[in-house]
Amino acid sequence: MRKVSDLTVEEFEQLLEEVVERKLEEFLGDPDEGLELTEWIEQRLKETNAALKAGVRGIPHEEILRRLKLGRSKQKAKVEGKGRGKK
């Protein structure tokens, strides 16, 4: 088994995302449990599951934030972070 210290930053972030997702599911459960799926949703879920099994991942959260203009770019964050704490 690999150690956390052996993971790349990207692997560690992926691991965290998976753990958080799993724990949220455990705590919150499925709010849609018991509801019927429309044909469109059922087809979309089948396509998504097939893509995941083929190794295709969804859109990274950084891309979603960028598209929605909710996050700061890494370059902007670096520039804003320079000089902080040293006055």
PDB file of N, CA and C in Angstrom:
ATOM      1  N   MET A   1       0.840  -1.182   0.000  1.00  0.00           N
ATOM      2  CA  MET A   1       0.000   0.000   0.000  1.00  0.00           C
ATOM      3  C   MET A   1       0.888   1.250   0.000  1.00  0.00           C
ATOM      4  N   ARG A   2       0.488   2.231  -0.796  1.00  0.00           N
ATOM      5  CA  ARG A   2       1.255   3.472  -0.865  1.00  0.00           C
ATOM      6  C   ARG A   2       0.962   4.355   0.334  1.00  0.00           C
ATOM      7  N   LYS A   3       1.936   5.187   0.660  1.00  0.00           N
ATOM      8  CA  LYS A   3       1.775   6.159   1.733  1.00  0.00           C
ATOM      9  C   LYS A   3       1.279   7.472   1.135  1.00  0.00           C
ATOM     10  N   VAL A   4       0.605   8.249   1.947  1.00  0.00           N
ATOM     11  CA  VAL A   4       0.126   9.555   1.504  1.00  0.00           C
ATOM     12  C   VAL A   4       1.298  10.406   1.036  1.00  0.00           C
ATOM     13  N   SER A   5       2.428  10.275   1.705  1.00  0.00           N
ATOM     14  CA  SER A   5       3.599  11.073   1.346  1.00  0.00           C
ATOM     15  C   SER A   5       4.148  10.713  -0.036  1.00  0.00           C
ATOM     16  N   ASP A   6       3.748   9.551  -0.562  1.00  0.00           N
ATOM     17  CA  ASP A   6       4.193   9.131  -1.889  1.00  0.00           C
ATOM     18  C   ASP A   6       3.288   9.633  -3.007  1.00  0.00           C
ATOM     19  N   LEU A   7       2.139  10.210  -2.647  1.00  0.00           N
ATOM     20  CA  LEU A   7       1.180  10.673  -3.656  1.00  0.00           C
ATOM     21  C   LEU A   7       1.591  12.013  -4.236  1.00  0.00           C
ATOM     22  N   THR A   8       1.220  12.220  -5.492  1.00  0.00           N
ATOM     23  CA  THR A   8       1.390  13.543  -6.082  1.00  0.00           C
ATOM     24  C   THR A   8       0.276  14.433  -5.533  1.00  0.00           C
ATOM     25  N   VAL A   9       0.394  15.724  -5.736  1.00  0.00           N
ATOM     26  CA  VAL A   9      -0.650  16.650  -5.292  1.00  0.00           C
ATOM     27  C   VAL A   9      -1.973  16.286  -5.954  1.00  0.00           C
ATOM     28  N   GLU A  10      -1.936  15.979  -7.246  1.00  0.00           N
ATOM     29  CA  GLU A  10      -3.152  15.638  -7.980  1.00  0.00           C
ATOM     30  C   GLU A  10      -3.775  14.351  -7.433  1.00  0.00           C
ATOM     31  N   GLU A  11      -2.960  13.344  -7.131  1.00  0.00           N
ATOM     32  CA  GLU A  11      -3.472  12.092  -6.576  1.00  0.00           C
ATOM     33  C   GLU A  11      -4.084  12.318  -5.199  1.00  0.00           C
ATOM     34  N   PHE A  12      -3.432  13.161  -4.397  1.00  0.00           N
ATOM     35  CA  PHE A  12      -3.943  13.462  -3.056  1.00  0.00           C
ATOM     36  C   PHE A  12      -5.272  14.205  -3.147  1.00  0.00           C
ATOM     37  N   GLU A  13      -5.375  15.172  -4.047  1.00  0.00           N
ATOM     38  CA  GLU A  13      -6.630  15.904  -4.225  1.00  0.00           C
ATOM     39  C   GLU A  13      -7.742  14.955  -4.658  1.00  0.00           C
ATOM     40  N   GLN A  14      -7.426  14.036  -5.578  1.00  0.00           N
ATOM     41  CA  GLN A  14      -8.416  13.066  -6.044  1.00  0.00           C
ATOM     42  C   GLN A  14      -8.873  12.179  -4.891  1.00  0.00           C
ATOM     43  N   LEU A  15      -7.935  11.737  -4.072  1.00  0.00           N
ATOM     44  CA  LEU A  15      -8.259  10.914  -2.918  1.00  0.00           C
ATOM     45  C   LEU A  15      -9.189  11.664  -1.962  1.00  0.00           C
ATOM     46  N   LEU A  16      -8.875  12.922  -1.692  1.00  0.00           N
ATOM     47  CA  LEU A  16      -9.717  13.734  -0.804  1.00  0.00           C
ATOM     48  C   LEU A  16     -11.127  13.888  -1.367  1.00  0.00           C
ATOM     49  N   GLU A  17     -11.219  14.157  -2.663  1.00  0.00           N
ATOM     50  CA  GLU A  17     -12.528  14.312  -3.290  1.00  0.00           C
ATOM     51  C   GLU A  17     -13.359  13.053  -3.126  1.00  0.00           C
ATOM     52  N   GLU A  18     -12.731  11.888  -3.336  1.00  0.00           N
ATOM     53  CA  GLU A  18     -13.446  10.622  -3.226  1.00  0.00           C
ATOM     54  C   GLU A  18     -13.893  10.354  -1.789  1.00  0.00           C
ATOM     55  N   VAL A  19     -13.037  10.647  -0.830  1.00  0.00           N
ATOM     56  CA  VAL A  19     -13.373  10.420   0.576  1.00  0.00           C
ATOM     57  C   VAL A  19     -14.506  11.347   1.002  1.00  0.00           C
ATOM     58  N   VAL A  20     -14.419  12.619   0.640  1.00  0.00           N
ATOM     59  CA  VAL A  20     -15.470  13.576   1.014  1.00  0.00           C
ATOM     60  C   VAL A  20     -16.799  13.165   0.392  1.00  0.00           C
ATOM     61  N   GLU A  21     -16.768  12.793  -0.871  1.00  0.00           N
ATOM     62  CA  GLU A  21     -17.995  12.373  -1.553  1.00  0.00           C
ATOM     63  C   GLU A  21     -18.609  11.154  -0.860  1.00  0.00           C
ATOM     64  N   ARG A  22     -17.785  10.182  -0.530  1.00  0.00           N
ATOM     65  CA  ARG A  22     -18.266   8.973   0.134  1.00  0.00           C
ATOM     66  C   ARG A  22     -18.858   9.299   1.511  1.00  0.00           C
ATOM     67  N   LYS A  23     -18.183  10.145   2.277  1.00  0.00           N
ATOM     68  CA  LYS A  23     -18.666  10.499   3.607  1.00  0.00           C
ATOM     69  C   LYS A  23     -19.957  11.307   3.542  1.00  0.00           C
ATOM     70  N   LEU A  24     -20.061  12.230   2.600  1.00  0.00           N
ATOM     71  CA  LEU A  24     -21.305  12.991   2.448  1.00  0.00           C
ATOM     72  C   LEU A  24     -22.469  12.064   2.133  1.00  0.00           C
ATOM     73  N   GLU A  25     -22.209  11.090   1.272  1.00  0.00           N
ATOM     74  CA  GLU A  25     -23.252  10.119   0.936  1.00  0.00           C
ATOM     75  C   GLU A  25     -23.669   9.331   2.177  1.00  0.00           C
ATOM     76  N   GLU A  26     -22.697   8.947   3.013  1.00  0.00           N
ATOM     77  CA  GLU A  26     -23.008   8.209   4.238  1.00  0.00           C
ATOM     78  C   GLU A  26     -23.851   9.067   5.191  1.00  0.00           C
ATOM     79  N   PHE A  27     -23.471  10.320   5.367  1.00  0.00           N
ATOM     80  CA  PHE A  27     -24.161  11.194   6.319  1.00  0.00           C
ATOM     81  C   PHE A  27     -25.533  11.648   5.824  1.00  0.00           C
ATOM     82  N   LEU A  28     -25.592  12.045   4.568  1.00  0.00           N
ATOM     83  CA  LEU A  28     -26.806  12.649   4.039  1.00  0.00           C
ATOM     84  C   LEU A  28     -27.737  11.663   3.372  1.00  0.00           C
ATOM     85  N   GLY A  29     -27.196  10.538   2.925  1.00  0.00           N
ATOM     86  CA  GLY A  29     -28.013   9.580   2.201  1.00  0.00           C
ATOM     87  C   GLY A  29     -28.354  10.126   0.824  1.00  0.00           C
ATOM     88  N   ASP A  30     -29.263   9.469   0.167  1.00  0.00           N
ATOM     89  CA  ASP A  30     -29.676   9.876  -1.176  1.00  0.00           C
ATOM     90  C   ASP A  30     -31.045  10.549  -1.084  1.00  0.00           C
ATOM     91  N   PRO A  31     -31.097  11.882  -1.286  1.00  0.00           N
ATOM     92  CA  PRO A  31     -32.379  12.577  -1.160  1.00  0.00           C
ATOM     93  C   PRO A  31     -33.394  12.166  -2.230  1.00  0.00           C
ATOM     94  N   ASP A  32     -32.926  11.522  -3.303  1.00  0.00           N
ATOM     95  CA  ASP A  32     -33.812  11.107  -4.383  1.00  0.00           C
ATOM     96  C   ASP A  32     -34.263   9.649  -4.251  1.00  0.00           C
ATOM     97  N   GLU A  33     -33.835   8.985  -3.173  1.00  0.00           N
ATOM     98  CA  GLU A  33     -34.190   7.579  -2.993  1.00  0.00           C
ATOM     99  C   GLU A  33     -35.708   7.421  -2.970  1.00  0.00           C
ATOM    100  N   GLY A  34     -36.195   6.475  -3.754  1.00  0.00           N
ATOM    101  CA  GLY A  34     -37.626   6.205  -3.813  1.00  0.00           C
ATOM    102  C   GLY A  34     -38.349   6.954  -4.926  1.00  0.00           C
ATOM    103  N   LEU A  35     -37.708   7.937  -5.520  1.00  0.00           N
ATOM    104  CA  LEU A  35     -38.337   8.683  -6.608  1.00  0.00           C
ATOM    105  C   LEU A  35     -38.127   7.948  -7.933  1.00  0.00           C
ATOM    106  N   GLU A  36     -39.042   8.152  -8.870  1.00  0.00           N
ATOM    107  CA  GLU A  36     -38.915   7.521 -10.177  1.00  0.00           C
ATOM    108  C   GLU A  36     -38.069   8.390 -11.098  1.00  0.00           C
ATOM    109  N   LEU A  37     -37.305   7.726 -11.972  1.00  0.00           N
ATOM    110  CA  LEU A  37     -36.477   8.436 -12.937  1.00  0.00           C
ATOM    111  C   LEU A  37     -37.226   8.610 -14.251  1.00  0.00           C
ATOM    112  N   THR A  38     -37.052   9.766 -14.871  1.00  0.00           N
ATOM    113  CA  THR A  38     -37.593   9.940 -16.208  1.00  0.00           C
ATOM    114  C   THR A  38     -36.692   9.186 -17.174  1.00  0.00           C
ATOM    115  N   GLU A  39     -37.191   8.882 -18.350  1.00  0.00           N
ATOM    116  CA  GLU A  39     -36.379   8.170 -19.353  1.00  0.00           C
ATOM    117  C   GLU A  39     -35.108   8.942 -19.669  1.00  0.00           C
ATOM    118  N   TRP A  40     -35.217  10.252 -19.782  1.00  0.00           N
ATOM    119  CA  TRP A  40     -34.057  11.081 -20.131  1.00  0.00           C
ATOM    120  C   TRP A  40     -32.974  10.973 -19.061  1.00  0.00           C
ATOM    121  N   ILE A  41     -33.370  11.074 -17.799  1.00  0.00           N
ATOM    122  CA  ILE A  41     -32.411  10.995 -16.695  1.00  0.00           C
ATOM    123  C   ILE A  41     -31.791   9.602 -16.633  1.00  0.00           C
ATOM    124  N   GLU A  42     -32.605   8.575 -16.803  1.00  0.00           N
ATOM    125  CA  GLU A  42     -32.086   7.209 -16.767  1.00  0.00           C
ATOM    126  C   GLU A  42     -31.039   6.998 -17.864  1.00  0.00           C
ATOM    127  N   GLN A  43     -31.320   7.492 -19.067  1.00  0.00           N
ATOM    128  CA  GLN A  43     -30.366   7.371 -20.169  1.00  0.00           C
ATOM    129  C   GLN A  43     -29.092   8.143 -19.862  1.00  0.00           C
ATOM    130  N   ARG A  44     -29.237   9.336 -19.311  1.00  0.00           N
ATOM    131  CA  ARG A  44     -28.067  10.164 -18.984  1.00  0.00           C
ATOM    132  C   ARG A  44     -27.198   9.485 -17.929  1.00  0.00           C
ATOM    133  N   LEU A  45     -27.823   8.874 -16.927  1.00  0.00           N
ATOM    134  CA  LEU A  45     -27.077   8.158 -15.894  1.00  0.00           C
ATOM    135  C   LEU A  45     -26.326   6.961 -16.480  1.00  0.00           C
ATOM    136  N   LYS A  46     -26.959   6.249 -17.391  1.00  0.00           N
ATOM    137  CA  LYS A  46     -26.295   5.116 -18.045  1.00  0.00           C
ATOM    138  C   LYS A  46     -25.071   5.592 -18.827  1.00  0.00           C
ATOM    139  N   GLU A  47     -25.218   6.712 -19.530  1.00  0.00           N
ATOM    140  CA  GLU A  47     -24.090   7.267 -20.289  1.00  0.00           C
ATOM    141  C   GLU A  47     -22.965   7.707 -19.352  1.00  0.00           C
ATOM    142  N   THR A  48     -23.320   8.346 -18.254  1.00  0.00           N
ATOM    143  CA  THR A  48     -22.325   8.797 -17.284  1.00  0.00           C
ATOM    144  C   THR A  48     -21.594   7.610 -16.663  1.00  0.00           C
ATOM    145  N   ASN A  49     -22.335   6.583 -16.272  1.00  0.00           N
ATOM    146  CA  ASN A  49     -21.707   5.387 -15.700  1.00  0.00           C
ATOM    147  C   ASN A  49     -20.782   4.710 -16.691  1.00  0.00           C
ATOM    148  N   ALA A  50     -21.192   4.634 -17.943  1.00  0.00           N
ATOM    149  CA  ALA A  50     -20.341   4.030 -18.966  1.00  0.00           C
ATOM    150  C   ALA A  50     -19.057   4.845 -19.142  1.00  0.00           C
ATOM    151  N   ALA A  51     -19.182   6.161 -19.123  1.00  0.00           N
ATOM    152  CA  ALA A  51     -18.008   7.028 -19.263  1.00  0.00           C
ATOM    153  C   ALA A  51     -17.070   6.847 -18.074  1.00  0.00           C
ATOM    154  N   LEU A  52     -17.610   6.779 -16.872  1.00  0.00           N
ATOM    155  CA  LEU A  52     -16.780   6.579 -15.679  1.00  0.00           C
ATOM    156  C   LEU A  52     -16.049   5.248 -15.732  1.00  0.00           C
ATOM    157  N   LYS A  53     -16.745   4.194 -16.161  1.00  0.00           N
ATOM    158  CA  LYS A  53     -16.108   2.882 -16.285  1.00  0.00           C
ATOM    159  C   LYS A  53     -15.002   2.897 -17.323  1.00  0.00           C
ATOM    160  N   ALA A  54     -15.143   3.765 -18.334  1.00  0.00           N
ATOM    161  CA  ALA A  54     -14.121   3.888 -19.380  1.00  0.00           C
ATOM    162  C   ALA A  54     -12.985   4.810 -18.954  1.00  0.00           C
ATOM    163  N   GLY A  55     -13.085   5.369 -17.743  1.00  0.00           N
ATOM    164  CA  GLY A  55     -12.016   6.226 -17.228  1.00  0.00           C
ATOM    165  C   GLY A  55     -12.192   7.701 -17.500  1.00  0.00           C
ATOM    166  N   VAL A  56     -13.320   8.083 -18.070  1.00  0.00           N
ATOM    167  CA  VAL A  56     -13.574   9.492 -18.353  1.00  0.00           C
ATOM    168  C   VAL A  56     -14.097  10.152 -17.087  1.00  0.00           C
ATOM    169  N   ARG A  57     -13.491  11.253 -16.701  1.00  0.00           N
ATOM    170  CA  ARG A  57     -13.922  11.985 -15.522  1.00  0.00           C
ATOM    171  C   ARG A  57     -14.761  13.179 -15.943  1.00  0.00           C
ATOM    172  N   GLY A  58     -15.476  13.721 -15.005  1.00  0.00           N
ATOM    173  CA  GLY A  58     -16.293  14.904 -15.277  1.00  0.00           C
ATOM    174  C   GLY A  58     -15.429  16.145 -15.391  1.00  0.00           C
ATOM    175  N   ILE A  59     -16.065  17.273 -15.400  1.00  0.00           N
ATOM    176  CA  ILE A  59     -15.355  18.541 -15.508  1.00  0.00           C
ATOM    177  C   ILE A  59     -14.750  18.859 -14.142  1.00  0.00           C
ATOM    178  N   PRO A  60     -13.448  19.154 -14.093  1.00  0.00           N
ATOM    179  CA  PRO A  60     -12.812  19.488 -12.815  1.00  0.00           C
ATOM    180  C   PRO A  60     -13.475  20.712 -12.175  1.00  0.00           C
ATOM    181  N   HIS A  61     -13.520  20.720 -10.824  1.00  0.00           N
ATOM    182  CA  HIS A  61     -14.201  21.819 -10.143  1.00  0.00           C
ATOM    183  C   HIS A  61     -13.557  23.164 -10.446  1.00  0.00           C
ATOM    184  N   GLU A  62     -12.244  23.170 -10.698  1.00  0.00           N
ATOM    185  CA  GLU A  62     -11.581  24.432 -11.044  1.00  0.00           C
ATOM    186  C   GLU A  62     -12.146  25.016 -12.344  1.00  0.00           C
ATOM    187  N   GLU A  63     -12.466  24.106 -13.287  1.00  0.00           N
ATOM    188  CA  GLU A  63     -13.028  24.557 -14.565  1.00  0.00           C
ATOM    189  C   GLU A  63     -14.439  25.104 -14.366  1.00  0.00           C
ATOM    190  N   ILE A  64     -15.229  24.448 -13.530  1.00  0.00           N
ATOM    191  CA  ILE A  64     -16.582  24.927 -13.247  1.00  0.00           C
ATOM    192  C   ILE A  64     -16.515  26.315 -12.611  1.00  0.00           C
ATOM    193  N   LEU A  65     -15.619  26.475 -11.623  1.00  0.00           N
ATOM    194  CA  LEU A  65     -15.467  27.775 -10.972  1.00  0.00           C
ATOM    195  C   LEU A  65     -15.048  28.841 -11.980  1.00  0.00           C
ATOM    196  N   ARG A  66     -14.118  28.474 -12.881  1.00  0.00           N
ATOM    197  CA  ARG A  66     -13.660  29.433 -13.889  1.00  0.00           C
ATOM    198  C   ARG A  66     -14.811  29.817 -14.813  1.00  0.00           C
ATOM    199  N   ARG A  67     -15.570  28.816 -15.254  1.00  0.00           N
ATOM    200  CA  ARG A  67     -16.692  29.092 -16.158  1.00  0.00           C
ATOM    201  C   ARG A  67     -17.745  29.982 -15.499  1.00  0.00           C
ATOM    202  N   LEU A  68     -17.962  29.762 -14.211  1.00  0.00           N
ATOM    203  CA  LEU A  68     -18.959  30.553 -13.491  1.00  0.00           C
ATOM    204  C   LEU A  68     -18.374  31.825 -12.896  1.00  0.00           C
ATOM    205  N   LYS A  69     -17.070  31.985 -13.090  1.00  0.00           N
ATOM    206  CA  LYS A  69     -16.349  33.147 -12.574  1.00  0.00           C
ATOM    207  C   LYS A  69     -16.498  33.261 -11.055  1.00  0.00           C
ATOM    208  N   LEU A  70     -16.418  32.096 -10.375  1.00  0.00           N
ATOM    209  CA  LEU A  70     -16.547  32.070  -8.928  1.00  0.00           C
ATOM    210  C   LEU A  70     -15.202  31.932  -8.228  1.00  0.00           C
ATOM    211  N   GLY A  71     -14.202  31.510  -8.950  1.00  0.00           N
ATOM    212  CA  GLY A  71     -12.902  31.289  -8.328  1.00  0.00           C
ATOM    213  C   GLY A  71     -11.870  32.264  -8.853  1.00  0.00           C
ATOM    214  N   ARG A  72     -10.756  32.320  -8.130  1.00  0.00           N
ATOM    215  CA  ARG A  72      -9.657  33.148  -8.590  1.00  0.00           C
ATOM    216  C   ARG A  72      -8.699  32.277  -9.376  1.00  0.00           C
ATOM    217  N   SER A  73      -8.095  32.823 -10.394  1.00  0.00           N
ATOM    218  CA  SER A  73      -7.104  32.059 -11.130  1.00  0.00           C
ATOM    219  C   SER A  73      -5.888  31.853 -10.247  1.00  0.00           C
ATOM    220  N   LYS A  74      -5.139  30.787 -10.514  1.00  0.00           N
ATOM    221  CA  LYS A  74      -3.952  30.507  -9.717  1.00  0.00           C
ATOM    222  C   LYS A  74      -2.943  31.644  -9.837  1.00  0.00           C
ATOM    223  N   GLN A  75      -2.819  32.200 -11.030  1.00  0.00           N
ATOM    224  CA  GLN A  75      -1.877  33.287 -11.245  1.00  0.00           C
ATOM    225  C   GLN A  75      -2.282  34.496 -10.408  1.00  0.00           C
ATOM    226  N   LYS A  76      -3.563  34.838 -10.397  1.00  0.00           N
ATOM    227  CA  LYS A  76      -4.036  35.982  -9.620  1.00  0.00           C
ATOM    228  C   LYS A  76      -3.803  35.740  -8.130  1.00  0.00           C
ATOM    229  N   ALA A  77      -4.070  34.507  -7.672  1.00  0.00           N
ATOM    230  CA  ALA A  77      -3.874  34.176  -6.261  1.00  0.00           C
ATOM    231  C   ALA A  77      -2.403  34.291  -5.887  1.00  0.00           C
ATOM    232  N   LYS A  78      -1.503  33.893  -6.791  1.00  0.00           N
ATOM    233  CA  LYS A  78      -0.070  33.996  -6.516  1.00  0.00           C
ATOM    234  C   LYS A  78       0.348  35.453  -6.383  1.00  0.00           C
ATOM    235  N   VAL A  79      -0.136  36.288  -7.297  1.00  0.00           N
ATOM    236  CA  VAL A  79       0.221  37.704  -7.281  1.00  0.00           C
ATOM    237  C   VAL A  79      -0.304  38.366  -6.015  1.00  0.00           C
ATOM    238  N   GLU A  80      -1.569  38.059  -5.640  1.00  0.00           N
ATOM    239  CA  GLU A  80      -2.143  38.663  -4.450  1.00  0.00           C
ATOM    240  C   GLU A  80      -1.471  38.173  -3.191  1.00  0.00           C
ATOM    241  N   GLY A  81      -0.942  36.963  -3.215  1.00  0.00           N
ATOM    242  CA  GLY A  81      -0.314  36.391  -2.027  1.00  0.00           C
ATOM    243  C   GLY A  81       1.101  36.873  -1.773  1.00  0.00           C
ATOM    244  N   LYS A  82       1.728  37.475  -2.776  1.00  0.00           N
ATOM    245  CA  LYS A  82       3.121  37.952  -2.611  1.00  0.00           C
ATOM    246  C   LYS A  82       3.168  39.123  -1.641  1.00  0.00           C
ATOM    247  N   GLY A  83       4.118  39.051  -0.758  1.00  0.00           N
ATOM    248  CA  GLY A  83       4.340  40.158   0.148  1.00  0.00           C
ATOM    249  C   GLY A  83       3.494  40.146   1.394  1.00  0.00           C
ATOM    250  N   ARG A  84       2.532  39.217   1.474  1.00  0.00           N
ATOM    251  CA  ARG A  84       1.674  39.155   2.670  1.00  0.00           C
ATOM    252  C   ARG A  84       2.496  38.659   3.848  1.00  0.00           C
ATOM    253  N   GLY A  85       2.264  39.258   4.971  1.00  0.00           N
ATOM    254  CA  GLY A  85       2.942  38.839   6.196  1.00  0.00           C
ATOM    255  C   GLY A  85       4.336  39.413   6.359  1.00  0.00           C
ATOM    256  N   LYS A  86       4.804  40.141   5.389  1.00  0.00           N
ATOM    257  CA  LYS A  86       6.145  40.742   5.464  1.00  0.00           C
ATOM    258  C   LYS A  86       6.007  42.233   5.266  1.00  0.00           C
ATOM    259  N   LYS A  87       5.817  42.933   6.340  1.00  0.00           N
ATOM    260  CA  LYS A  87       5.681  44.402   6.211  1.00  0.00           C
ATOM    261  C   LYS A  87       6.820  45.063   6.902  1.00  0.00           C
TER     262      LYS A  87
END
